[in-house]
């Protein structure tokens, strides 16, 4: 957790709650980083497809989408004991966490290709196509997309889940929307889009997978209709807020801090919230989106939950 996040939480929460969320997020990330290589190994991919896929999936990152799955599950269950090692994450939650992260990993591998954003650096390391070549990177992205869906039924996670069908039905259309959003984003280069047009793009490109993560966590927790409505509102706002913040960081942070080339949006002449609104107005807009997201879950679950903590952490991030 970053220093800014901790300062924010000190001002609003007790030390015990800070430590609780930190322990919870560490547990989730540790579980994910154990499951990913083991799951890829169980899928028996040939070389160098296995190595390229593993490289793409184990190069760090914030693991926001798996955290959204687990934090939603814990919020609905109101079971903060999930942060304790003696309460391991359920197989259903683990399936959903790996699924959303594999899909996210595939999207990044393809985004970095020369035919897309043509980036050579991701999370402080050479991008997958630089490390393994374009063909292996293309196929690694392809297989990670298929493995995302296979995770929902793969025996690595135990017997088939009772939630496999609703998880798939939630996941698939949002995976499609993510790709549609990427296409619209490419179409928007060298144009000055309106804020309405920009939001339509990013509710799909960035927001759809975050929406899937939250709703899949809700399914695993057997959330009620009222709870799902609040969580859906949270997810829609948090996805857009995350993108606005990304646009801000692209012009306010440097390459070392971001772990990828700073200023890439300007280089590609993309429409961004900073370009449309300016840095300060974009910051104000992002803050309002984060606040709206938090208010949606506070109204349903109270303010002592991991989704509020996660939203505060995302707002305080610097990369």
C-alpha atoms as a PDB file:
ATOM      1  CA  UNK A   1       0.000   0.000   0.000  1.00  0.00           C
ATOM      2  CA  UNK A   2       1.355   3.453  -0.903  1.00  0.00           C
ATOM      3  CA  UNK A   3       2.201   6.166   1.611  1.00  0.00           C
ATOM      4  CA  UNK A   4      -0.544   8.454   0.291  1.00  0.00           C
ATOM      5  CA  UNK A   5      -3.137   5.721   0.779  1.00  0.00           C
ATOM      6  CA  UNK A   6      -2.026   5.099   4.343  1.00  0.00           C
ATOM      7  CA  UNK A   7      -2.163   8.811   5.140  1.00  0.00           C
ATOM      8  CA  UNK A   8      -5.679   9.005   3.716  1.00  0.00           C
ATOM      9  CA  UNK A   9      -6.818   6.064   5.807  1.00  0.00           C
ATOM     10  CA  UNK A  10      -5.193   7.436   8.955  1.00  0.00           C
ATOM     11  CA  UNK A  11      -7.305  10.554   8.524  1.00  0.00           C
ATOM     12  CA  UNK A  12     -10.515   8.564   8.114  1.00  0.00           C
ATOM     13  CA  UNK A  13     -10.104   5.154   9.747  1.00  0.00           C
ATOM     14  CA  UNK A  14      -8.404   3.554  12.693  1.00  0.00           C
ATOM     15  CA  UNK A  15      -4.977   1.938  12.557  1.00  0.00           C
ATOM     16  CA  UNK A  16      -6.598  -1.469  13.022  1.00  0.00           C
ATOM     17  CA  UNK A  17      -8.733  -1.055   9.887  1.00  0.00           C
ATOM     18  CA  UNK A  18      -5.695  -0.006   7.845  1.00  0.00           C
ATOM     19  CA  UNK A  19      -3.832  -3.098   8.964  1.00  0.00           C
ATOM     20  CA  UNK A  20      -6.884  -5.262   8.263  1.00  0.00           C
ATOM     21  CA  UNK A  21      -7.255  -4.107   4.661  1.00  0.00           C
ATOM     22  CA  UNK A  22      -3.506  -4.368   4.074  1.00  0.00           C
ATOM     23  CA  UNK A  23      -3.540  -7.950   5.379  1.00  0.00           C
ATOM     24  CA  UNK A  24      -6.583  -8.769   3.256  1.00  0.00           C
ATOM     25  CA  UNK A  25      -5.081  -7.392   0.039  1.00  0.00           C
ATOM     26  CA  UNK A  26      -1.805  -9.206   0.733  1.00  0.00           C
ATOM     27  CA  UNK A  27      -3.680 -12.478   1.210  1.00  0.00           C
ATOM     28  CA  UNK A  28      -5.566 -12.017  -2.048  1.00  0.00           C
ATOM     29  CA  UNK A  29      -2.464 -11.140  -4.064  1.00  0.00           C
ATOM     30  CA  UNK A  30      -0.430 -13.970  -2.529  1.00  0.00           C
ATOM     31  CA  UNK A  31      -3.174 -16.459  -3.410  1.00  0.00           C
ATOM     32  CA  UNK A  32      -3.420 -15.137  -6.963  1.00  0.00           C
ATOM     33  CA  UNK A  33       0.328 -15.211  -7.494  1.00  0.00           C
ATOM     34  CA  UNK A  34       0.366 -18.812  -6.336  1.00  0.00           C
ATOM     35  CA  UNK A  35      -2.593 -19.831  -8.501  1.00  0.00           C
ATOM     36  CA  UNK A  36      -1.508 -18.225 -11.781  1.00  0.00           C
ATOM     37  CA  UNK A  37       1.700 -20.209 -12.442  1.00  0.00           C
ATOM     38  CA  UNK A  38       0.141 -23.412 -11.076  1.00  0.00           C
ATOM     39  CA  UNK A  39      -2.929 -22.982 -13.297  1.00  0.00           C
ATOM     40  CA  UNK A  40      -0.809 -22.293 -16.377  1.00  0.00           C
ATOM     41  CA  UNK A  41       1.275 -25.374 -15.581  1.00  0.00           C
ATOM     42  CA  UNK A  42      -1.890 -27.474 -15.272  1.00  0.00           C
ATOM     43  CA  UNK A  43      -2.961 -26.311 -18.740  1.00  0.00           C
ATOM     44  CA  UNK A  44       0.201 -27.843 -20.280  1.00  0.00           C
ATOM     45  CA  UNK A  45       1.003 -25.168 -22.843  1.00  0.00           C
ATOM     46  CA  UNK A  46       3.883 -25.879 -25.256  1.00  0.00           C
ATOM     47  CA  UNK A  47       7.102 -23.872 -25.247  1.00  0.00           C
ATOM     48  CA  UNK A  48       7.512 -20.933 -25.805  1.00  0.00           C
ATOM     49  CA  UNK A  49       3.769 -20.282 -25.381  1.00  0.00           C
ATOM     50  CA  UNK A  50       3.939 -21.280 -21.720  1.00  0.00           C
ATOM     51  CA  UNK A  51       6.926 -19.047 -21.021  1.00  0.00           C
ATOM     52  CA  UNK A  52       5.463 -16.051 -22.852  1.00  0.00           C
ATOM     53  CA  UNK A  53       2.111 -16.420 -21.078  1.00  0.00           C
ATOM     54  CA  UNK A  54       3.760 -16.805 -17.683  1.00  0.00           C
ATOM     55  CA  UNK A  55       5.957 -13.770 -18.370  1.00  0.00           C
ATOM     56  CA  UNK A  56       2.895 -11.682 -19.199  1.00  0.00           C
ATOM     57  CA  UNK A  57       1.030 -12.832 -16.087  1.00  0.00           C
ATOM     58  CA  UNK A  58       3.773 -12.659 -13.453  1.00  0.00           C
ATOM     59  CA  UNK A  59       5.331  -9.266 -14.017  1.00  0.00           C
ATOM     60  CA  UNK A  60       3.718  -7.544 -11.070  1.00  0.00           C
ATOM     61  CA  UNK A  61       0.855  -5.100 -11.413  1.00  0.00           C
ATOM     62  CA  UNK A  62      -1.725  -3.831  -8.965  1.00  0.00           C
ATOM     63  CA  UNK A  63      -4.029  -6.867  -9.334  1.00  0.00           C
ATOM     64  CA  UNK A  64      -7.006  -4.506  -9.072  1.00  0.00           C
ATOM     65  CA  UNK A  65      -9.543  -6.792 -10.732  1.00  0.00           C
ATOM     66  CA  UNK A  66      -8.894  -9.853  -8.545  1.00  0.00           C
ATOM     67  CA  UNK A  67      -8.974  -7.550  -5.520  1.00  0.00           C
ATOM     68  CA  UNK A  68     -12.384  -6.316  -6.672  1.00  0.00           C
ATOM     69  CA  UNK A  69     -13.649  -9.912  -6.847  1.00  0.00           C
ATOM     70  CA  UNK A  70     -12.425 -10.757  -3.344  1.00  0.00           C
ATOM     71  CA  UNK A  71     -13.369  -7.415  -1.770  1.00  0.00           C
ATOM     72  CA  UNK A  72     -16.899  -7.696  -3.145  1.00  0.00           C
ATOM     73  CA  UNK A  73     -17.260 -11.224  -1.821  1.00  0.00           C
ATOM     74  CA  UNK A  74     -16.009 -10.156   1.617  1.00  0.00           C
ATOM     75  CA  UNK A  75     -18.228  -7.058   1.645  1.00  0.00           C
ATOM     76  CA  UNK A  76     -21.382  -9.050   0.889  1.00  0.00           C
ATOM     77  CA  UNK A  77     -20.463 -11.743   3.384  1.00  0.00           C
ATOM     78  CA  UNK A  78     -19.433  -9.050   5.907  1.00  0.00           C
ATOM     79  CA  UNK A  79     -16.739 -11.547   6.851  1.00  0.00           C
ATOM     80  CA  UNK A  80     -13.606  -9.568   7.594  1.00  0.00           C
ATOM     81  CA  UNK A  81     -12.067 -12.737   9.005  1.00  0.00           C
ATOM     82  CA  UNK A  82     -11.300 -13.594   5.356  1.00  0.00           C
ATOM     83  CA  UNK A  83      -8.090 -11.640   5.885  1.00  0.00           C
ATOM     84  CA  UNK A  84      -6.865 -14.265   8.349  1.00  0.00           C
ATOM     85  CA  UNK A  85      -4.698 -17.087   6.933  1.00  0.00           C
ATOM     86  CA  UNK A  86      -6.912 -19.677   8.642  1.00  0.00           C
ATOM     87  CA  UNK A  87      -9.790 -18.541   6.374  1.00  0.00           C
ATOM     88  CA  UNK A  88      -8.542 -19.245   2.833  1.00  0.00           C
ATOM     89  CA  UNK A  89     -10.353 -17.822  -0.166  1.00  0.00           C
ATOM     90  CA  UNK A  90     -13.000 -20.137  -1.595  1.00  0.00           C
ATOM     91  CA  UNK A  91     -12.386 -22.027  -4.828  1.00  0.00           C
ATOM     92  CA  UNK A  92     -15.138 -20.029  -6.546  1.00  0.00           C
ATOM     93  CA  UNK A  93     -13.516 -16.719  -5.635  1.00  0.00           C
ATOM     94  CA  UNK A  94     -10.117 -18.038  -6.758  1.00  0.00           C
ATOM     95  CA  UNK A  95     -11.597 -19.116 -10.104  1.00  0.00           C
ATOM     96  CA  UNK A  96     -13.088 -15.678 -10.675  1.00  0.00           C
ATOM     97  CA  UNK A  97      -9.883 -13.911  -9.602  1.00  0.00           C
ATOM     98  CA  UNK A  98      -7.750 -15.892 -12.062  1.00  0.00           C
ATOM     99  CA  UNK A  99     -10.345 -15.485 -14.822  1.00  0.00           C
ATOM    100  CA  UNK A 100     -10.443 -11.685 -14.658  1.00  0.00           C
ATOM    101  CA  UNK A 101      -6.662 -11.406 -14.358  1.00  0.00           C
ATOM    102  CA  UNK A 102      -6.045 -13.711 -17.341  1.00  0.00           C
ATOM    103  CA  UNK A 103      -8.426 -11.622 -19.440  1.00  0.00           C
ATOM    104  CA  UNK A 104      -6.722  -8.436 -18.288  1.00  0.00           C
ATOM    105  CA  UNK A 105      -3.318  -9.960 -19.056  1.00  0.00           C
ATOM    106  CA  UNK A 106      -4.375 -10.882 -22.576  1.00  0.00           C
ATOM    107  CA  UNK A 107      -5.650  -7.361 -23.215  1.00  0.00           C
ATOM    108  CA  UNK A 108      -2.336  -5.830 -22.119  1.00  0.00           C
ATOM    109  CA  UNK A 109      -0.244  -8.186 -24.266  1.00  0.00           C
ATOM    110  CA  UNK A 110      -2.306  -7.282 -27.328  1.00  0.00           C
ATOM    111  CA  UNK A 111      -2.474  -3.558 -26.458  1.00  0.00           C
ATOM    112  CA  UNK A 112       1.330  -3.406 -26.422  1.00  0.00           C
ATOM    113  CA  UNK A 113       1.776  -4.942 -29.891  1.00  0.00           C
ATOM    114  CA  UNK A 114       3.171  -2.760 -32.709  1.00  0.00           C
ATOM    115  CA  UNK A 115      -0.192  -2.869 -34.502  1.00  0.00           C
ATOM    116  CA  UNK A 116      -1.891  -1.361 -31.435  1.00  0.00           C
ATOM    117  CA  UNK A 117      -0.108   0.977 -28.987  1.00  0.00           C
ATOM    118  CA  UNK A 118       3.401  -0.220 -29.918  1.00  0.00           C
ATOM    119  CA  UNK A 119       4.812  -0.049 -26.371  1.00  0.00           C
ATOM    120  CA  UNK A 120       8.171  -1.551 -25.433  1.00  0.00           C
ATOM    121  CA  UNK A 121       7.818  -1.260 -21.642  1.00  0.00           C
ATOM    122  CA  UNK A 122       5.199  -2.635 -19.263  1.00  0.00           C
ATOM    123  CA  UNK A 123       5.516  -2.599 -15.469  1.00  0.00           C
ATOM    124  CA  UNK A 124       9.185  -1.724 -15.734  1.00  0.00           C
ATOM    125  CA  UNK A 125      10.073  -4.680 -17.994  1.00  0.00           C
ATOM    126  CA  UNK A 126      10.174  -5.252 -21.768  1.00  0.00           C
ATOM    127  CA  UNK A 127       6.715  -6.002 -23.101  1.00  0.00           C
ATOM    128  CA  UNK A 128       5.917  -9.582 -24.062  1.00  0.00           C
ATOM    129  CA  UNK A 129       6.467  -9.074 -27.789  1.00  0.00           C
ATOM    130  CA  UNK A 130       9.859  -7.488 -27.110  1.00  0.00           C
ATOM    131  CA  UNK A 131      10.868 -10.396 -24.862  1.00  0.00           C
ATOM    132  CA  UNK A 132       9.428 -13.284 -26.933  1.00  0.00           C
ATOM    133  CA  UNK A 133       8.636 -11.905 -30.373  1.00  0.00           C
ATOM    134  CA  UNK A 134       5.375 -10.763 -31.919  1.00  0.00           C
ATOM    135  CA  UNK A 135       4.096 -14.201 -32.894  1.00  0.00           C
ATOM    136  CA  UNK A 136       4.551 -15.694 -29.423  1.00  0.00           C
ATOM    137  CA  UNK A 137       3.038 -12.587 -27.834  1.00  0.00           C
ATOM    138  CA  UNK A 138       0.008 -12.701 -30.106  1.00  0.00           C
ATOM    139  CA  UNK A 139      -0.570 -16.362 -29.279  1.00  0.00           C
ATOM    140  CA  UNK A 140       0.057 -15.768 -25.563  1.00  0.00           C
ATOM    141  CA  UNK A 141      -2.700 -13.158 -25.604  1.00  0.00           C
ATOM    142  CA  UNK A 142      -4.972 -15.528 -27.495  1.00  0.00           C
ATOM    143  CA  UNK A 143      -4.442 -18.391 -25.068  1.00  0.00           C
ATOM    144  CA  UNK A 144      -4.821 -16.189 -21.988  1.00  0.00           C
ATOM    145  CA  UNK A 145      -8.231 -15.152 -23.291  1.00  0.00           C
ATOM    146  CA  UNK A 146      -9.322 -18.771 -23.601  1.00  0.00           C
ATOM    147  CA  UNK A 147      -7.777 -19.698 -20.239  1.00  0.00           C
ATOM    148  CA  UNK A 148      -9.777 -16.904 -18.619  1.00  0.00           C
ATOM    149  CA  UNK A 149     -12.998 -18.733 -19.454  1.00  0.00           C
ATOM    150  CA  UNK A 150     -11.590 -22.204 -18.838  1.00  0.00           C
ATOM    151  CA  UNK A 151     -10.667 -21.159 -15.277  1.00  0.00           C
ATOM    152  CA  UNK A 152     -14.360 -21.078 -14.412  1.00  0.00           C
ATOM    153  CA  UNK A 153     -14.574 -24.870 -14.835  1.00  0.00           C
ATOM    154  CA  UNK A 154     -10.985 -26.158 -14.696  1.00  0.00           C
ATOM    155  CA  UNK A 155     -10.321 -28.991 -12.255  1.00  0.00           C
ATOM    156  CA  UNK A 156      -7.193 -27.234 -10.928  1.00  0.00           C
ATOM    157  CA  UNK A 157      -9.604 -25.344  -8.677  1.00  0.00           C
ATOM    158  CA  UNK A 158     -11.462 -28.476  -7.588  1.00  0.00           C
ATOM    159  CA  UNK A 159     -14.831 -29.828  -8.616  1.00  0.00           C
ATOM    160  CA  UNK A 160     -16.950 -27.804 -11.009  1.00  0.00           C
ATOM    161  CA  UNK A 161     -18.516 -24.766  -9.419  1.00  0.00           C
ATOM    162  CA  UNK A 162     -22.248 -24.405  -8.927  1.00  0.00           C
ATOM    163  CA  UNK A 163     -21.714 -20.821 -10.075  1.00  0.00           C
ATOM    164  CA  UNK A 164     -20.031 -21.700 -13.403  1.00  0.00           C
ATOM    165  CA  UNK A 165     -23.030 -20.790 -15.552  1.00  0.00           C
ATOM    166  CA  UNK A 166     -23.907 -17.439 -13.942  1.00  0.00           C
ATOM    167  CA  UNK A 167     -20.207 -16.525 -13.748  1.00  0.00           C
ATOM    168  CA  UNK A 168     -19.774 -17.237 -17.455  1.00  0.00           C
ATOM    169  CA  UNK A 169     -22.966 -15.385 -18.340  1.00  0.00           C
ATOM    170  CA  UNK A 170     -21.692 -12.342 -16.437  1.00  0.00           C
ATOM    171  CA  UNK A 171     -18.117 -12.557 -17.697  1.00  0.00           C
ATOM    172  CA  UNK A 172     -18.593 -13.159 -21.435  1.00  0.00           C
ATOM    173  CA  UNK A 173     -20.554 -10.052 -22.478  1.00  0.00           C
ATOM    174  CA  UNK A 174     -18.223  -7.818 -20.486  1.00  0.00           C
ATOM    175  CA  UNK A 175     -15.197  -9.419 -22.140  1.00  0.00           C
ATOM    176  CA  UNK A 176     -16.825  -8.589 -25.474  1.00  0.00           C
ATOM    177  CA  UNK A 177     -17.469  -5.014 -24.356  1.00  0.00           C
ATOM    178  CA  UNK A 178     -13.813  -4.617 -23.392  1.00  0.00           C
ATOM    179  CA  UNK A 179     -12.745  -5.472 -26.961  1.00  0.00           C
ATOM    180  CA  UNK A 180     -15.410  -3.192 -28.430  1.00  0.00           C
ATOM    181  CA  UNK A 181     -14.128  -0.371 -26.246  1.00  0.00           C
ATOM    182  CA  UNK A 182     -10.578  -0.939 -27.458  1.00  0.00           C
ATOM    183  CA  UNK A 183     -11.758  -0.688 -31.066  1.00  0.00           C
ATOM    184  CA  UNK A 184     -13.614   2.548 -30.351  1.00  0.00           C
ATOM    185  CA  UNK A 185     -10.548   3.895 -28.562  1.00  0.00           C
ATOM    186  CA  UNK A 186      -8.421   3.238 -31.652  1.00  0.00           C
ATOM    187  CA  UNK A 187     -11.082   4.842 -33.846  1.00  0.00           C
ATOM    188  CA  UNK A 188     -10.957   7.907 -31.587  1.00  0.00           C
ATOM    189  CA  UNK A 189      -7.273   8.633 -32.183  1.00  0.00           C
ATOM    190  CA  UNK A 190      -6.577  11.978 -33.910  1.00  0.00           C
ATOM    191  CA  UNK A 191     -10.088  13.151 -33.036  1.00  0.00           C
ATOM    192  CA  UNK A 192     -11.533  15.451 -30.394  1.00  0.00           C
ATOM    193  CA  UNK A 193     -14.292  13.398 -28.794  1.00  0.00           C
ATOM    194  CA  UNK A 194     -16.957  14.793 -26.518  1.00  0.00           C
ATOM    195  CA  UNK A 195     -17.081  13.748 -22.863  1.00  0.00           C
ATOM    196  CA  UNK A 196     -20.148  11.627 -23.614  1.00  0.00           C
ATOM    197  CA  UNK A 197     -18.292   9.803 -26.389  1.00  0.00           C
ATOM    198  CA  UNK A 198     -15.222   9.355 -24.209  1.00  0.00           C
ATOM    199  CA  UNK A 199     -17.250   7.899 -21.357  1.00  0.00           C
ATOM    200  CA  UNK A 200     -18.999   5.466 -23.700  1.00  0.00           C
ATOM    201  CA  UNK A 201     -15.578   4.172 -24.801  1.00  0.00           C
ATOM    202  CA  UNK A 202     -14.146   3.771 -21.329  1.00  0.00           C
ATOM    203  CA  UNK A 203     -17.217   2.275 -19.694  1.00  0.00           C
ATOM    204  CA  UNK A 204     -16.434  -0.592 -22.061  1.00  0.00           C
ATOM    205  CA  UNK A 205     -12.653  -0.537 -22.554  1.00  0.00           C
ATOM    206  CA  UNK A 206     -11.741  -0.134 -18.870  1.00  0.00           C
ATOM    207  CA  UNK A 207     -14.994  -0.359 -16.961  1.00  0.00           C
ATOM    208  CA  UNK A 208     -16.472  -3.580 -18.343  1.00  0.00           C
ATOM    209  CA  UNK A 209     -13.874  -5.908 -16.819  1.00  0.00           C
ATOM    210  CA  UNK A 210     -14.007  -4.118 -13.468  1.00  0.00           C
ATOM    211  CA  UNK A 211     -17.783  -4.449 -13.600  1.00  0.00           C
ATOM    212  CA  UNK A 212     -17.358  -8.176 -14.294  1.00  0.00           C
ATOM    213  CA  UNK A 213     -14.984  -8.548 -11.338  1.00  0.00           C
ATOM    214  CA  UNK A 214     -17.428  -6.944  -8.907  1.00  0.00           C
ATOM    215  CA  UNK A 215     -20.469  -8.826 -10.183  1.00  0.00           C
ATOM    216  CA  UNK A 216     -18.613 -12.161 -10.197  1.00  0.00           C
ATOM    217  CA  UNK A 217     -17.666 -11.565  -6.562  1.00  0.00           C
ATOM    218  CA  UNK A 218     -21.322 -10.848  -5.870  1.00  0.00           C
ATOM    219  CA  UNK A 219     -22.390 -14.098  -7.537  1.00  0.00           C
ATOM    220  CA  UNK A 220     -19.914 -16.111  -5.453  1.00  0.00           C
ATOM    221  CA  UNK A 221     -21.343 -14.482  -2.323  1.00  0.00           C
ATOM    222  CA  UNK A 222     -25.000 -15.074  -3.296  1.00  0.00           C
ATOM    223  CA  UNK A 223     -25.716 -11.353  -3.128  1.00  0.00           C
ATOM    224  CA  UNK A 224     -29.340 -10.234  -3.044  1.00  0.00           C
ATOM    225  CA  UNK A 225     -30.897  -8.182  -5.848  1.00  0.00           C
ATOM    226  CA  UNK A 226     -30.603  -5.032  -3.741  1.00  0.00           C
ATOM    227  CA  UNK A 227     -26.944  -5.740  -3.015  1.00  0.00           C
ATOM    228  CA  UNK A 228     -26.191  -6.440  -6.671  1.00  0.00           C
ATOM    229  CA  UNK A 229     -27.814  -3.171  -7.695  1.00  0.00           C
ATOM    230  CA  UNK A 230     -25.589  -1.227  -5.282  1.00  0.00           C
ATOM    231  CA  UNK A 231     -22.509  -3.174  -6.382  1.00  0.00           C
ATOM    232  CA  UNK A 232     -23.274  -2.591 -10.056  1.00  0.00           C
ATOM    233  CA  UNK A 233     -23.492   1.154  -9.400  1.00  0.00           C
ATOM    234  CA  UNK A 234     -20.170   1.007  -7.558  1.00  0.00           C
ATOM    235  CA  UNK A 235     -18.539  -0.934 -10.397  1.00  0.00           C
ATOM    236  CA  UNK A 236     -19.692   1.438 -13.121  1.00  0.00           C
ATOM    237  CA  UNK A 237     -18.311   4.462 -11.300  1.00  0.00           C
ATOM    238  CA  UNK A 238     -15.041   2.871 -10.162  1.00  0.00           C
ATOM    239  CA  UNK A 239     -14.165   1.718 -13.687  1.00  0.00           C
ATOM    240  CA  UNK A 240     -14.612   5.185 -15.128  1.00  0.00           C
ATOM    241  CA  UNK A 241     -12.779   6.797 -12.211  1.00  0.00           C
ATOM    242  CA  UNK A 242      -9.843   4.454 -12.759  1.00  0.00           C
ATOM    243  CA  UNK A 243      -9.587   5.513 -16.417  1.00  0.00           C
ATOM    244  CA  UNK A 244      -9.768   9.234 -15.633  1.00  0.00           C
ATOM    245  CA  UNK A 245      -6.987   8.726 -13.125  1.00  0.00           C
ATOM    246  CA  UNK A 246      -4.926   6.803 -15.695  1.00  0.00           C
ATOM    247  CA  UNK A 247      -5.239   9.759 -18.064  1.00  0.00           C
ATOM    248  CA  UNK A 248      -4.039  12.090 -15.314  1.00  0.00           C
ATOM    249  CA  UNK A 249      -1.062   9.898 -14.398  1.00  0.00           C
ATOM    250  CA  UNK A 250      -0.019   9.677 -18.048  1.00  0.00           C
ATOM    251  CA  UNK A 251       0.840  13.390 -17.934  1.00  0.00           C
ATOM    252  CA  UNK A 252       1.795  13.862 -14.253  1.00  0.00           C
ATOM    253  CA  UNK A 253       3.998  10.800 -13.602  1.00  0.00           C
ATOM    254  CA  UNK A 254       7.248   9.765 -15.273  1.00  0.00           C
ATOM    255  CA  UNK A 255       8.163   6.521 -17.027  1.00  0.00           C
ATOM    256  CA  UNK A 256      10.045   5.111 -14.028  1.00  0.00           C
ATOM    257  CA  UNK A 257       7.096   5.739 -11.737  1.00  0.00           C
ATOM    258  CA  UNK A 258       4.533   4.277 -14.144  1.00  0.00           C
ATOM    259  CA  UNK A 259       6.622   1.327 -15.303  1.00  0.00           C
ATOM    260  CA  UNK A 260       5.534   2.120 -18.875  1.00  0.00           C
ATOM    261  CA  UNK A 261       6.193   5.039 -21.242  1.00  0.00           C
ATOM    262  CA  UNK A 262       4.750   8.274 -19.867  1.00  0.00           C
ATOM    263  CA  UNK A 263       3.035  10.543 -22.352  1.00  0.00           C
ATOM    264  CA  UNK A 264       1.960   7.662 -24.594  1.00  0.00           C
ATOM    265  CA  UNK A 265      -1.580   9.043 -24.950  1.00  0.00           C
ATOM    266  CA  UNK A 266      -0.240  12.294 -26.376  1.00  0.00           C
ATOM    267  CA  UNK A 267       2.144  10.410 -28.682  1.00  0.00           C
ATOM    268  CA  UNK A 268      -0.797   8.469 -30.142  1.00  0.00           C
ATOM    269  CA  UNK A 269      -3.008  11.589 -30.159  1.00  0.00           C
ATOM    270  CA  UNK A 270      -5.678   9.837 -28.109  1.00  0.00           C
ATOM    271  CA  UNK A 271      -8.731  11.582 -26.735  1.00  0.00           C
ATOM    272  CA  UNK A 272      -8.323  11.728 -22.948  1.00  0.00           C
ATOM    273  CA  UNK A 273      -9.995  13.390 -19.996  1.00  0.00           C
ATOM    274  CA  UNK A 274      -6.924  15.574 -19.486  1.00  0.00           C
ATOM    275  CA  UNK A 275      -7.012  16.700 -23.099  1.00  0.00           C
ATOM    276  CA  UNK A 276     -10.739  17.392 -22.811  1.00  0.00           C
ATOM    277  CA  UNK A 277     -10.962  18.901 -19.319  1.00  0.00           C
ATOM    278  CA  UNK A 278      -7.431  19.829 -18.245  1.00  0.00           C
ATOM    279  CA  UNK A 279      -5.531  18.236 -15.353  1.00  0.00           C
ATOM    280  CA  UNK A 280      -7.241  19.972 -12.432  1.00  0.00           C
ATOM    281  CA  UNK A 281     -10.780  19.536 -13.746  1.00  0.00           C
ATOM    282  CA  UNK A 282     -10.004  15.874 -14.517  1.00  0.00           C
ATOM    283  CA  UNK A 283      -8.826  15.394 -10.916  1.00  0.00           C
ATOM    284  CA  UNK A 284     -12.048  16.928  -9.620  1.00  0.00           C
ATOM    285  CA  UNK A 285     -14.092  14.674 -11.891  1.00  0.00           C
ATOM    286  CA  UNK A 286     -12.180  11.565 -10.805  1.00  0.00           C
ATOM    287  CA  UNK A 287     -12.711  12.435  -7.142  1.00  0.00           C
ATOM    288  CA  UNK A 288     -16.464  12.832  -7.738  1.00  0.00           C
ATOM    289  CA  UNK A 289     -16.606   9.414  -9.430  1.00  0.00           C
ATOM    290  CA  UNK A 290     -14.747   7.735  -6.568  1.00  0.00           C
ATOM    291  CA  UNK A 291     -17.072   9.420  -4.056  1.00  0.00           C
ATOM    292  CA  UNK A 292     -20.176   8.315  -5.961  1.00  0.00           C
ATOM    293  CA  UNK A 293     -18.843   4.753  -6.120  1.00  0.00           C
ATOM    294  CA  UNK A 294     -18.180   4.656  -2.379  1.00  0.00           C
ATOM    295  CA  UNK A 295     -21.559   6.163  -1.533  1.00  0.00           C
ATOM    296  CA  UNK A 296     -23.311   3.390  -3.477  1.00  0.00           C
ATOM    297  CA  UNK A 297     -21.789   0.644  -1.313  1.00  0.00           C
ATOM    298  CA  UNK A 298     -21.927   2.660   1.913  1.00  0.00           C
ATOM    299  CA  UNK A 299     -25.688   3.035   1.493  1.00  0.00           C
ATOM    300  CA  UNK A 300     -26.076  -0.755   1.278  1.00  0.00           C
ATOM    301  CA  UNK A 301     -23.249  -2.117   3.457  1.00  0.00           C
ATOM    302  CA  UNK A 302     -22.045   0.735   5.691  1.00  0.00           C
ATOM    303  CA  UNK A 303     -18.662   2.424   5.493  1.00  0.00           C
ATOM    304  CA  UNK A 304     -16.567  -0.327   7.114  1.00  0.00           C
ATOM    305  CA  UNK A 305     -15.976  -2.585   4.129  1.00  0.00           C
ATOM    306  CA  UNK A 306     -13.168  -3.538   1.800  1.00  0.00           C
ATOM    307  CA  UNK A 307     -14.689  -1.912  -1.290  1.00  0.00           C
ATOM    308  CA  UNK A 308     -14.535   1.513   0.344  1.00  0.00           C
ATOM    309  CA  UNK A 309     -10.942   0.803   1.381  1.00  0.00           C
ATOM    310  CA  UNK A 310     -10.093  -0.360  -2.131  1.00  0.00           C
ATOM    311  CA  UNK A 311     -11.624   2.759  -3.683  1.00  0.00           C
ATOM    312  CA  UNK A 312      -9.554   4.948  -1.359  1.00  0.00           C
ATOM    313  CA  UNK A 313      -6.413   3.017  -2.282  1.00  0.00           C
ATOM    314  CA  UNK A 314      -7.124   3.412  -5.993  1.00  0.00           C
ATOM    315  CA  UNK A 315      -7.672   7.154  -5.599  1.00  0.00           C
ATOM    316  CA  UNK A 316      -4.347   7.486  -3.763  1.00  0.00           C
ATOM    317  CA  UNK A 317      -2.303   5.459  -6.273  1.00  0.00           C
ATOM    318  CA  UNK A 318       0.571   7.100  -8.115  1.00  0.00           C
ATOM    319  CA  UNK A 319       1.087   4.569 -10.923  1.00  0.00           C
END
